[in-house]
PDB file of N, CA and C in Angstrom:
ATOM      1  N   MET A   1     124.342 135.986  97.410  1.00  0.00           N
ATOM      2  CA  MET A   1     124.004 133.937  96.444  1.00  0.00           C
ATOM      3  C   MET A   1     123.141 134.184  95.291  1.00  0.00           C
ATOM      4  N   SER A   2     123.514 133.293  94.240  1.00  0.00           N
ATOM      5  CA  SER A   2     123.016 133.677  93.253  1.00  0.00           C
ATOM      6  C   SER A   2     121.827 133.256  93.114  1.00  0.00           C
ATOM      7  N   GLU A   3     121.637 133.627  91.989  1.00  0.00           N
ATOM      8  CA  GLU A   3     119.539 132.754  92.068  1.00  0.00           C
ATOM      9  C   GLU A   3     119.800 131.247  91.910  1.00  0.00           C
ATOM     10  N   GLN A   4     120.957 130.720  91.226  1.00  0.00           N
ATOM     11  CA  GLN A   4     120.715 129.497  91.368  1.00  0.00           C
ATOM     12  C   GLN A   4     121.552 129.154  92.368  1.00  0.00           C
ATOM     13  N   THR A   5     122.184 129.503  93.288  1.00  0.00           N
ATOM     14  CA  THR A   5     122.071 128.412  94.482  1.00  0.00           C
ATOM     15  C   THR A   5     120.561 128.779  95.461  1.00  0.00           C
ATOM     16  N   GLN A   6     120.139 129.471  95.192  1.00  0.00           N
ATOM     17  CA  GLN A   6     118.486 129.476  96.062  1.00  0.00           C
ATOM     18  C   GLN A   6     118.359 128.831  95.065  1.00  0.00           C
ATOM     19  N   ARG A   7     118.060 128.473  93.679  1.00  0.00           N
ATOM     20  CA  ARG A   7     116.843 127.817  93.732  1.00  0.00           C
ATOM     21  C   ARG A   7     117.922 126.274  94.182  1.00  0.00           C
ATOM     22  N   ASN A   8     118.849 125.906  93.936  1.00  0.00           N
ATOM     23  CA  ASN A   8     119.248 124.448  94.349  1.00  0.00           C
ATOM     24  C   ASN A   8     118.791 124.424  95.974  1.00  0.00           C
ATOM     25  N   GLN A   9     118.860 125.130  96.875  1.00  0.00           N
ATOM     26  CA  GLN A   9     118.595 125.044  98.278  1.00  0.00           C
ATOM     27  C   GLN A   9     116.688 124.935  97.997  1.00  0.00           C
ATOM     28  N   TYR A  10     115.758 126.116  97.464  1.00  0.00           N
ATOM     29  CA  TYR A  10     114.956 125.354  97.190  1.00  0.00           C
ATOM     30  C   TYR A  10     114.756 124.076  97.140  1.00  0.00           C
ATOM     31  N   TRP A  11     115.446 123.863  96.215  1.00  0.00           N
ATOM     32  CA  TRP A  11     115.165 122.772  95.789  1.00  0.00           C
ATOM     33  C   TRP A  11     115.138 121.558  96.331  1.00  0.00           C
ATOM     34  N   GLN A  12     116.154 121.050  97.208  1.00  0.00           N
ATOM     35  CA  GLN A  12     116.636 120.281  98.249  1.00  0.00           C
ATOM     36  C   GLN A  12     115.975 120.599  99.431  1.00  0.00           C
ATOM     37  N   ALA A  13     115.498 121.549 100.163  1.00  0.00           N
ATOM     38  CA  ALA A  13     114.630 121.644 100.993  1.00  0.00           C
ATOM     39  C   ALA A  13     113.319 120.821 101.141  1.00  0.00           C
ATOM     40  N   ASN A  14     112.959 121.871  99.255  1.00  0.00           N
ATOM     41  CA  ASN A  14     111.520 120.802  98.628  1.00  0.00           C
ATOM     42  C   ASN A  14     111.712 119.006  98.602  1.00  0.00           C
ATOM     43  N   LEU A  15     113.001 118.576  98.269  1.00  0.00           N
ATOM     44  CA  LEU A  15     113.013 117.111  98.285  1.00  0.00           C
ATOM     45  C   LEU A  15     113.105 116.332  99.833  1.00  0.00           C
ATOM     46  N   LYS A  16     113.726 117.163 100.917  1.00  0.00           N
ATOM     47  CA  LYS A  16     113.927 116.645 102.401  1.00  0.00           C
ATOM     48  C   LYS A  16     112.063 116.682 102.842  1.00  0.00           C
ATOM     49  N   ILE A  17     111.623 117.689 102.219  1.00  0.00           N
ATOM     50  CA  ILE A  17     109.713 117.750 102.711  1.00  0.00           C
ATOM     51  C   ILE A  17     109.410 116.319 102.415  1.00  0.00           C
ATOM     52  N   MET A  18     109.341 116.403 100.285  1.00  0.00           N
ATOM     53  CA  MET A  18     109.398 115.214 100.218  1.00  0.00           C
ATOM     54  C   MET A  18     109.356 113.926 100.765  1.00  0.00           C
ATOM     55  N   ALA A  19     110.693 113.963 100.983  1.00  0.00           N
ATOM     56  CA  ALA A  19     111.118 112.590 101.663  1.00  0.00           C
ATOM     57  C   ALA A  19     110.713 112.333 103.361  1.00  0.00           C
ATOM     58  N   VAL A  20     110.487 113.377 103.570  1.00  0.00           N
ATOM     59  CA  VAL A  20     109.756 112.878 104.963  1.00  0.00           C
ATOM     60  C   VAL A  20     108.653 112.623 105.038  1.00  0.00           C
ATOM     61  N   CYS A  21     107.749 113.618 104.090  1.00  0.00           N
ATOM     62  CA  CYS A  21     106.217 112.875 103.736  1.00  0.00           C
ATOM     63  C   CYS A  21     106.008 111.800 103.417  1.00  0.00           C
ATOM     64  N   LEU A  22     106.865 111.133 102.530  1.00  0.00           N
ATOM     65  CA  LEU A  22     106.918 109.823 101.604  1.00  0.00           C
ATOM     66  C   LEU A  22     107.465 108.783 102.103  1.00  0.00           C
ATOM     67  N   SER A  23     108.663 109.183 103.352  1.00  0.00           N
ATOM     68  CA  SER A  23     108.522 107.740 104.728  1.00  0.00           C
ATOM     69  C   SER A  23     107.266 107.535 105.309  1.00  0.00           C
ATOM     70  N   VAL A  24     106.508 108.815 106.002  1.00  0.00           N
ATOM     71  CA  VAL A  24     105.902 108.257 107.245  1.00  0.00           C
ATOM     72  C   VAL A  24     104.721 107.974 106.708  1.00  0.00           C
ATOM     73  N   TRP A  25     104.509 108.017 105.229  1.00  0.00           N
ATOM     74  CA  TRP A  25     102.957 107.049 104.569  1.00  0.00           C
ATOM     75  C   TRP A  25     103.656 106.190 104.382  1.00  0.00           C
ATOM     76  N   PHE A  26     104.530 105.469 104.025  1.00  0.00           N
ATOM     77  CA  PHE A  26     105.449 104.280 103.733  1.00  0.00           C
ATOM     78  C   PHE A  26     105.258 103.334 105.019  1.00  0.00           C
ATOM     79  N   ILE A  27     105.868 104.378 106.236  1.00  0.00           N
ATOM     80  CA  ILE A  27     105.541 103.790 107.794  1.00  0.00           C
ATOM     81  C   ILE A  27     104.078 102.965 107.374  1.00  0.00           C
ATOM     82  N   ALA A  28     103.238 104.689 108.000  1.00  0.00           N
ATOM     83  CA  ALA A  28     102.229 103.891 108.476  1.00  0.00           C
ATOM     84  C   ALA A  28     101.120 102.739 107.335  1.00  0.00           C
ATOM     85  N   SER A  29     101.438 102.815 106.298  1.00  0.00           N
ATOM     86  CA  SER A  29     100.275 102.136 104.875  1.00  0.00           C
ATOM     87  C   SER A  29     101.262 100.605 105.048  1.00  0.00           C
ATOM     88  N   PHE A  30     102.568 100.972 104.330  1.00  0.00           N
ATOM     89  CA  PHE A  30     103.171  99.780 104.204  1.00  0.00           C
ATOM     90  C   PHE A  30     103.119  98.895 105.712  1.00  0.00           C
ATOM     91  N   GLY A  31     104.457  99.701 106.537  1.00  0.00           N
ATOM     92  CA  GLY A  31     104.486  98.853 107.866  1.00  0.00           C
ATOM     93  C   GLY A  31     104.134  98.637 108.639  1.00  0.00           C
ATOM     94  N   LEU A  32     102.825  99.791 109.437  1.00  0.00           N
ATOM     95  CA  LEU A  32     102.461  99.297 110.155  1.00  0.00           C
ATOM     96  C   LEU A  32     100.619  98.546 109.529  1.00  0.00           C
ATOM     97  N   GLY A  33     100.489  98.818 108.232  1.00  0.00           N
ATOM     98  CA  GLY A  33      99.009  98.078 107.670  1.00  0.00           C
ATOM     99  C   GLY A  33      99.204  96.671 107.597  1.00  0.00           C
ATOM    100  N   ILE A  34     100.617  96.598 106.953  1.00  0.00           N
ATOM    101  CA  ILE A  34     101.270  94.930 106.425  1.00  0.00           C
ATOM    102  C   ILE A  34     101.857  94.293 107.028  1.00  0.00           C
ATOM    103  N   LEU A  35     102.949  95.134 107.022  1.00  0.00           N
ATOM    104  CA  LEU A  35     104.048  94.109 107.772  1.00  0.00           C
ATOM    105  C   LEU A  35     103.995  94.074 109.384  1.00  0.00           C
ATOM    106  N   PHE A  36     103.576  94.928 109.930  1.00  0.00           N
ATOM    107  CA  PHE A  36     103.428  94.697 112.068  1.00  0.00           C
ATOM    108  C   PHE A  36     101.979  94.409 111.802  1.00  0.00           C
ATOM    109  N   ALA A  37     101.188  94.253 111.048  1.00  0.00           N
ATOM    110  CA  ALA A  37      99.833  94.254 111.719  1.00  0.00           C
ATOM    111  C   ALA A  37      99.635  92.721 112.234  1.00  0.00           C
ATOM    112  N   GLY A  38      99.984  91.759 112.467  1.00  0.00           N
ATOM    113  CA  GLY A  38      99.922  90.558 113.648  1.00  0.00           C
ATOM    114  C   GLY A  38      99.992  91.360 114.940  1.00  0.00           C
ATOM    115  N   PRO A  39     101.405  91.514 115.200  1.00  0.00           N
ATOM    116  CA  PRO A  39     101.141  92.420 116.328  1.00  0.00           C
ATOM    117  C   PRO A  39     100.673  93.314 117.293  1.00  0.00           C
ATOM    118  N   LEU A  40     100.477  94.425 115.614  1.00  0.00           N
ATOM    119  CA  LEU A  40      98.942  95.192 116.082  1.00  0.00           C
ATOM    120  C   LEU A  40      97.692  94.378 116.658  1.00  0.00           C
ATOM    121  N   ASN A  41      97.641  93.921 115.854  1.00  0.00           N
ATOM    122  CA  ASN A  41      96.307  93.116 116.055  1.00  0.00           C
ATOM    123  C   ASN A  41      95.955  92.464 117.403  1.00  0.00           C
ATOM    124  N   GLY A  42      96.913  92.306 118.052  1.00  0.00           N
ATOM    125  CA  GLY A  42      96.579  92.614 119.550  1.00  0.00           C
ATOM    126  C   GLY A  42      95.961  93.438 120.592  1.00  0.00           C
ATOM    127  N   ILE A  43      96.196  94.579 119.576  1.00  0.00           N
ATOM    128  CA  ILE A  43      95.602  96.384 120.307  1.00  0.00           C
ATOM    129  C   ILE A  43      94.084  96.279 119.760  1.00  0.00           C
ATOM    130  N   GLN A  44      93.691  96.787 120.743  1.00  0.00           N
ATOM    131  CA  GLN A  44      92.000  97.328 119.648  1.00  0.00           C
ATOM    132  C   GLN A  44      91.893  99.178 120.192  1.00  0.00           C
ATOM    133  N   LEU A  45      91.159  99.694 118.479  1.00  0.00           N
ATOM    134  CA  LEU A  45      90.814 100.640 118.092  1.00  0.00           C
ATOM    135  C   LEU A  45      89.435 100.957 117.857  1.00  0.00           C
ATOM    136  N   PHE A  46      88.979 101.394 118.006  1.00  0.00           N
ATOM    137  CA  PHE A  46      87.241 101.710 118.188  1.00  0.00           C
ATOM    138  C   PHE A  46      86.699 100.392 118.204  1.00  0.00           C
ATOM    139  N   GLY A  47      86.966  99.108 118.864  1.00  0.00           N
ATOM    140  CA  GLY A  47      86.516  97.359 118.455  1.00  0.00           C
ATOM    141  C   GLY A  47      87.057  97.217 117.028  1.00  0.00           C
ATOM    142  N   PHE A  48      88.212  98.065 116.532  1.00  0.00           N
ATOM    143  CA  PHE A  48      88.821  96.886 115.464  1.00  0.00           C
ATOM    144  C   PHE A  48      90.465  96.275 115.849  1.00  0.00           C
ATOM    145  N   PRO A  49      90.963  95.263 115.389  1.00  0.00           N
ATOM    146  CA  PRO A  49      91.967  95.368 116.442  1.00  0.00           C
ATOM    147  C   PRO A  49      92.892  96.348 115.635  1.00  0.00           C
ATOM    148  N   LEU A  50      94.098  97.257 115.676  1.00  0.00           N
ATOM    149  CA  LEU A  50      94.864  97.931 115.443  1.00  0.00           C
ATOM    150  C   LEU A  50      95.676  97.972 113.796  1.00  0.00           C
ATOM    151  N   GLY A  51      95.720  96.579 113.489  1.00  0.00           N
ATOM    152  CA  GLY A  51      97.147  96.528 112.187  1.00  0.00           C
ATOM    153  C   GLY A  51      95.397  96.421 111.049  1.00  0.00           C
ATOM    154  N   PHE A  52      94.304  95.688 111.525  1.00  0.00           N
ATOM    155  CA  PHE A  52      93.007  96.048 110.408  1.00  0.00           C
ATOM    156  C   PHE A  52      92.818  97.739 110.131  1.00  0.00           C
ATOM    157  N   TRP A  53      92.845  98.911 111.342  1.00  0.00           N
ATOM    158  CA  TRP A  53      92.209 100.033 110.828  1.00  0.00           C
ATOM    159  C   TRP A  53      93.690  99.845 110.380  1.00  0.00           C
ATOM    160  N   PHE A  54      95.109 100.026 110.486  1.00  0.00           N
ATOM    161  CA  PHE A  54      95.949 100.942 109.821  1.00  0.00           C
ATOM    162  C   PHE A  54      95.679 100.436 108.521  1.00  0.00           C
ATOM    163  N   ALA A  55      95.325  99.428 108.352  1.00  0.00           N
ATOM    164  CA  ALA A  55      95.318  98.519 106.745  1.00  0.00           C
ATOM    165  C   ALA A  55      94.304  99.482 106.437  1.00  0.00           C
ATOM    166  N   GLN A  56      92.707  99.712 106.387  1.00  0.00           N
ATOM    167  CA  GLN A  56      91.864 100.487 106.241  1.00  0.00           C
ATOM    168  C   GLN A  56      91.706 101.575 106.338  1.00  0.00           C
ATOM    169  N   GLN A  57      92.522 102.165 108.042  1.00  0.00           N
ATOM    170  CA  GLN A  57      91.700 103.557 107.579  1.00  0.00           C
ATOM    171  C   GLN A  57      92.966 105.155 108.395  1.00  0.00           C
ATOM    172  N   GLY A  58      93.670 103.884 108.612  1.00  0.00           N
ATOM    173  CA  GLY A  58      94.874 104.894 109.204  1.00  0.00           C
ATOM    174  C   GLY A  58      96.130 104.923 108.001  1.00  0.00           C
ATOM    175  N   SER A  59      95.537 104.545 107.424  1.00  0.00           N
ATOM    176  CA  SER A  59      96.816 104.929 106.448  1.00  0.00           C
ATOM    177  C   SER A  59      95.895 105.548 105.331  1.00  0.00           C
ATOM    178  N   ILE A  60      94.690 106.536 105.193  1.00  0.00           N
ATOM    179  CA  ILE A  60      94.582 107.038 105.059  1.00  0.00           C
ATOM    180  C   ILE A  60      94.234 108.560 105.556  1.00  0.00           C
ATOM    181  N   TYR A  61      93.864 108.232 107.065  1.00  0.00           N
ATOM    182  CA  TYR A  61      94.015 109.560 107.783  1.00  0.00           C
ATOM    183  C   TYR A  61      95.380 109.434 107.489  1.00  0.00           C
ATOM    184  N   THR A  62      96.343 109.072 107.494  1.00  0.00           N
ATOM    185  CA  THR A  62      98.264 109.673 107.798  1.00  0.00           C
ATOM    186  C   THR A  62      98.032 110.658 106.478  1.00  0.00           C
ATOM    187  N   PHE A  63      97.234 109.671 104.946  1.00  0.00           N
ATOM    188  CA  PHE A  63      97.446 110.596 104.029  1.00  0.00           C
ATOM    189  C   PHE A  63      97.042 111.648 103.832  1.00  0.00           C
ATOM    190  N   LEU A  64      95.857 111.996 104.764  1.00  0.00           N
ATOM    191  CA  LEU A  64      95.364 113.194 104.286  1.00  0.00           C
ATOM    192  C   LEU A  64      95.820 113.892 104.906  1.00  0.00           C
ATOM    193  N   ILE A  65      96.244 113.508 106.213  1.00  0.00           N
ATOM    194  CA  ILE A  65      97.234 114.633 107.284  1.00  0.00           C
ATOM    195  C   ILE A  65      98.502 115.299 106.674  1.00  0.00           C
ATOM    196  N   LEU A  66      99.150 114.181 105.355  1.00  0.00           N
ATOM    197  CA  LEU A  66     100.030 114.987 105.405  1.00  0.00           C
ATOM    198  C   LEU A  66      99.767 115.682 104.207  1.00  0.00           C
ATOM    199  N   ILE A  67      99.123 115.774 103.482  1.00  0.00           N
ATOM    200  CA  ILE A  67      98.436 116.492 101.968  1.00  0.00           C
ATOM    201  C   ILE A  67      98.848 118.181 102.957  1.00  0.00           C
ATOM    202  N   PHE A  68      98.007 118.005 104.284  1.00  0.00           N
ATOM    203  CA  PHE A  68      97.894 119.185 105.024  1.00  0.00           C
ATOM    204  C   PHE A  68      99.440 119.711 105.548  1.00  0.00           C
ATOM    205  N   TYR A  69      99.514 118.824 105.836  1.00  0.00           N
ATOM    206  CA  TYR A  69     101.173 119.353 106.334  1.00  0.00           C
ATOM    207  C   TYR A  69     102.227 119.810 104.627  1.00  0.00           C
ATOM    208  N   TYR A  70     101.619 119.159 104.208  1.00  0.00           N
ATOM    209  CA  TYR A  70     103.380 119.279 102.743  1.00  0.00           C
ATOM    210  C   TYR A  70     102.676 121.010 102.460  1.00  0.00           C
ATOM    211  N   ALA A  71     100.945 121.438 102.183  1.00  0.00           N
ATOM    212  CA  ALA A  71     100.907 122.189 102.053  1.00  0.00           C
ATOM    213  C   ALA A  71     101.364 123.763 102.892  1.00  0.00           C
ATOM    214  N   TRP A  72     101.521 123.544 104.041  1.00  0.00           N
ATOM    215  CA  TRP A  72     101.410 124.544 105.016  1.00  0.00           C
ATOM    216  C   TRP A  72     103.134 124.297 105.471  1.00  0.00           C
ATOM    217  N   ARG A  73     104.043 123.541 105.181  1.00  0.00           N
ATOM    218  CA  ARG A  73     105.218 123.739 104.763  1.00  0.00           C
ATOM    219  C   ARG A  73     106.104 123.999 103.609  1.00  0.00           C
ATOM    220  N   MET A  74     105.212 123.903 102.856  1.00  0.00           N
ATOM    221  CA  MET A  74     106.193 124.329 101.518  1.00  0.00           C
ATOM    222  C   MET A  74     105.499 125.890 101.196  1.00  0.00           C
ATOM    223  N   ASN A  75     104.324 126.449 101.344  1.00  0.00           N
ATOM    224  CA  ASN A  75     103.986 127.832 101.602  1.00  0.00           C
ATOM    225  C   ASN A  75     105.272 128.547 102.488  1.00  0.00           C
ATOM    226  N   ARG A  76     105.237 128.210 103.468  1.00  0.00           N
ATOM    227  CA  ARG A  76     106.370 128.743 104.983  1.00  0.00           C
ATOM    228  C   ARG A  76     107.338 128.659 103.998  1.00  0.00           C
ATOM    229  N   LEU A  77     107.868 127.585 102.831  1.00  0.00           N
ATOM    230  CA  LEU A  77     109.343 127.482 102.309  1.00  0.00           C
ATOM    231  C   LEU A  77     109.101 128.206 101.216  1.00  0.00           C
ATOM    232  N   ASP A  78     108.698 128.655 100.417  1.00  0.00           N
ATOM    233  CA  ASP A  78     107.934 129.351  99.543  1.00  0.00           C
ATOM    234  C   ASP A  78     108.393 130.976 100.157  1.00  0.00           C
ATOM    235  N   ARG A  79     108.139 131.181 101.217  1.00  0.00           N
ATOM    236  CA  ARG A  79     107.983 132.548 102.178  1.00  0.00           C
ATOM    237  C   ARG A  79     108.894 132.309 102.043  1.00  0.00           C
ATOM    238  N   GLU A  80     109.864 131.445 102.514  1.00  0.00           N
ATOM    239  CA  GLU A  80     111.201 131.538 103.111  1.00  0.00           C
ATOM    240  C   GLU A  80     112.041 132.045 101.831  1.00  0.00           C
ATOM    241  N   PHE A  81     111.744 131.541 100.812  1.00  0.00           N
ATOM    242  CA  PHE A  81     112.535 131.689  99.600  1.00  0.00           C
ATOM    243  C   PHE A  81     112.167 133.076  98.661  1.00  0.00           C
ATOM    244  N   ASP A  82     111.367 133.394  99.391  1.00  0.00           N
ATOM    245  CA  ASP A  82     110.666 134.271  98.637  1.00  0.00           C
ATOM    246  C   ASP A  82     109.926 134.405  97.068  1.00  0.00           C
ATOM    247  N   VAL A  83     109.215 133.239  96.803  1.00  0.00           N
ATOM    248  CA  VAL A  83     108.945 132.606  95.603  1.00  0.00           C
ATOM    249  C   VAL A  83     107.862 132.381  95.864  1.00  0.00           C
ATOM    250  N   HIS A  84     106.445 132.770  96.795  1.00  0.00           N
ATOM    251  CA  HIS A  84     105.460 132.794  97.618  1.00  0.00           C
ATOM    252  C   HIS A  84     104.529 133.570  95.936  1.00  0.00           C
ATOM    253  N   GLU A  85     103.130 133.081  96.226  1.00  0.00           N
ATOM    254  CA  GLU A  85     102.326 134.045  95.165  1.00  0.00           C
ATOM    255  C   GLU A  85     101.770 135.253  96.077  1.00  0.00           C
ATOM    256  N   GLU A  86     101.069 136.185  95.361  1.00  0.00           N
ATOM    257  CA  GLU A  86     100.423 137.083  95.975  1.00  0.00           C
ATOM    258  C   GLU A  86      99.013 137.173  96.572  1.00  0.00           C
TER     259      GLU A  86
END
């Protein structure tokens, strides 16, 4: 496999990971925190309506989880394509 082909495959895999992470973040912050906040407010979480909780806390927690997931997944991808740091 040529070096350019390997670079393209690595970049495509990276773009897929980023697209998944951004989609999850969008759904958690905009979808659950804004669009579906009304129906979710009927559910209580720690004494707060779930829609409010996602708008205030849930999207932040989701973002933090996604940061750690992205770092873990990219380290794995780097080792897979042998571009990891020693």
